[in-house]
Amino acid sequence: MNRLWAPWRKNYIRPKVRKDKGCLFCSLLAKRRDPLNYILKRTLHSFALLNLYPYNNGHVMVVPKRHVESLGMLRDDEKLDLLAAL
């Protein structure tokens, strides 16, 4: 197995001070400062944002707003919204 070595991301993985507790995505949504938090688009059930430390340029994450253990647990309307945002 090959290992990815990216030591410049150490502070992201193990920050010296943990700033926020709880869900990172929920806290970003609550701040309502989309450009500063790299949120590109909000929909009714999901949102798209840029990754702060991407492995590929332009990496975008599309995240459901509701917490579920797997994507299969999303309701049909949430799945459709997520796929439309993607």
Protein backbone atom coordinates (compact mmCIF):
# COMPACT_ATOMS: atom_id res chain seq x y z
CA MET A 1 0.00 0.00 0.00
CA ASN A 2 1.31 3.44 -0.91
CA ARG A 3 1.09 6.14 1.71
CA LEU A 4 0.39 9.75 0.92
CA TRP A 5 2.91 11.98 2.68
CA ALA A 6 1.81 15.58 3.01
CA PRO A 7 3.51 17.04 6.12
CA TRP A 8 2.33 20.58 5.39
CA ARG A 9 -1.20 19.40 6.25
CA LYS A 10 -0.20 18.37 9.79
CA ASN A 11 -1.82 21.43 11.38
CA TYR A 12 -5.09 20.59 9.65
CA ILE A 13 -5.07 17.02 10.93
CA ARG A 14 -3.81 17.82 14.43
CA PRO A 15 -4.45 21.49 15.18
CA LYS A 16 -2.67 22.95 18.20
CA VAL A 17 -5.90 24.44 19.54
CA ARG A 18 -9.33 23.01 18.80
CA LYS A 19 -11.46 26.04 18.03
CA ASP A 20 -14.95 24.67 17.63
CA LYS A 21 -16.78 21.71 19.05
CA GLY A 22 -19.59 20.00 17.26
CA CYS A 23 -20.16 19.60 13.57
CA LEU A 24 -17.84 21.61 11.33
CA PHE A 25 -20.43 21.78 8.56
CA CYS A 26 -23.27 22.92 10.83
CA SER A 27 -21.09 25.68 12.27
CA LEU A 28 -20.19 26.90 8.76
CA LEU A 29 -23.84 27.00 7.74
CA ALA A 30 -24.85 28.88 10.90
CA LYS A 31 -22.27 31.64 10.35
CA ARG A 32 -24.00 32.77 7.12
CA ARG A 33 -20.68 34.05 5.74
CA ASP A 34 -20.58 31.90 2.64
CA PRO A 35 -17.75 33.60 0.71
CA LEU A 36 -15.45 33.61 3.75
CA ASN A 37 -16.24 29.95 4.47
CA TYR A 38 -15.90 28.87 0.82
CA ILE A 39 -19.54 27.84 0.52
CA LEU A 40 -20.38 27.98 -3.17
CA LYS A 41 -24.05 27.09 -3.16
CA ARG A 42 -26.87 26.30 -0.74
CA THR A 43 -29.95 24.30 -1.60
CA LEU A 44 -32.88 23.20 0.51
CA HIS A 45 -31.23 19.97 1.70
CA SER A 46 -27.53 20.31 0.84
CA PHE A 47 -24.68 22.69 0.14
CA ALA A 48 -21.45 22.78 -1.86
CA LEU A 49 -18.15 24.11 -0.57
CA LEU A 50 -14.50 24.17 -1.46
CA ASN A 51 -12.13 22.00 0.52
CA LEU A 52 -9.71 24.13 2.56
CA TYR A 53 -6.86 21.67 1.98
CA PRO A 54 -7.63 19.98 -1.35
CA TYR A 55 -5.57 17.17 -2.81
CA ASN A 56 -6.72 18.24 -6.27
CA ASN A 57 -7.27 21.77 -7.51
CA GLY A 58 -10.92 22.75 -7.54
CA HIS A 59 -12.03 19.91 -5.27
CA VAL A 60 -15.64 20.57 -4.28
CA MET A 61 -17.61 18.79 -1.55
CA VAL A 62 -21.38 18.47 -1.72
CA VAL A 63 -22.76 17.79 1.75
CA PRO A 64 -26.28 16.94 2.93
CA LYS A 65 -27.54 19.24 5.68
CA ARG A 66 -29.13 16.45 7.71
CA HIS A 67 -26.85 14.16 9.72
CA VAL A 68 -27.14 10.53 8.63
CA GLU A 69 -24.81 7.54 8.92
CA SER A 70 -24.84 6.86 5.19
CA LEU A 71 -26.19 8.42 2.02
CA GLY A 72 -28.67 5.55 1.74
CA MET A 73 -30.42 6.87 4.85
CA LEU A 74 -31.33 10.16 3.15
CA ARG A 75 -34.94 10.63 2.10
CA ASP A 76 -35.66 10.60 -1.63
CA ASP A 77 -36.09 14.39 -1.79
CA GLU A 78 -32.75 14.87 -0.01
CA LYS A 79 -30.98 12.48 -2.40
CA LEU A 80 -32.44 14.26 -5.42
CA ASP A 81 -31.41 17.64 -4.02
CA LEU A 82 -27.88 16.38 -3.31
CA LEU A 83 -27.49 14.96 -6.81
CA ALA A 84 -28.87 18.14 -8.40
CA ALA A 85 -26.32 20.20 -6.44
CA LEU A 86 -23.57 17.84 -7.57
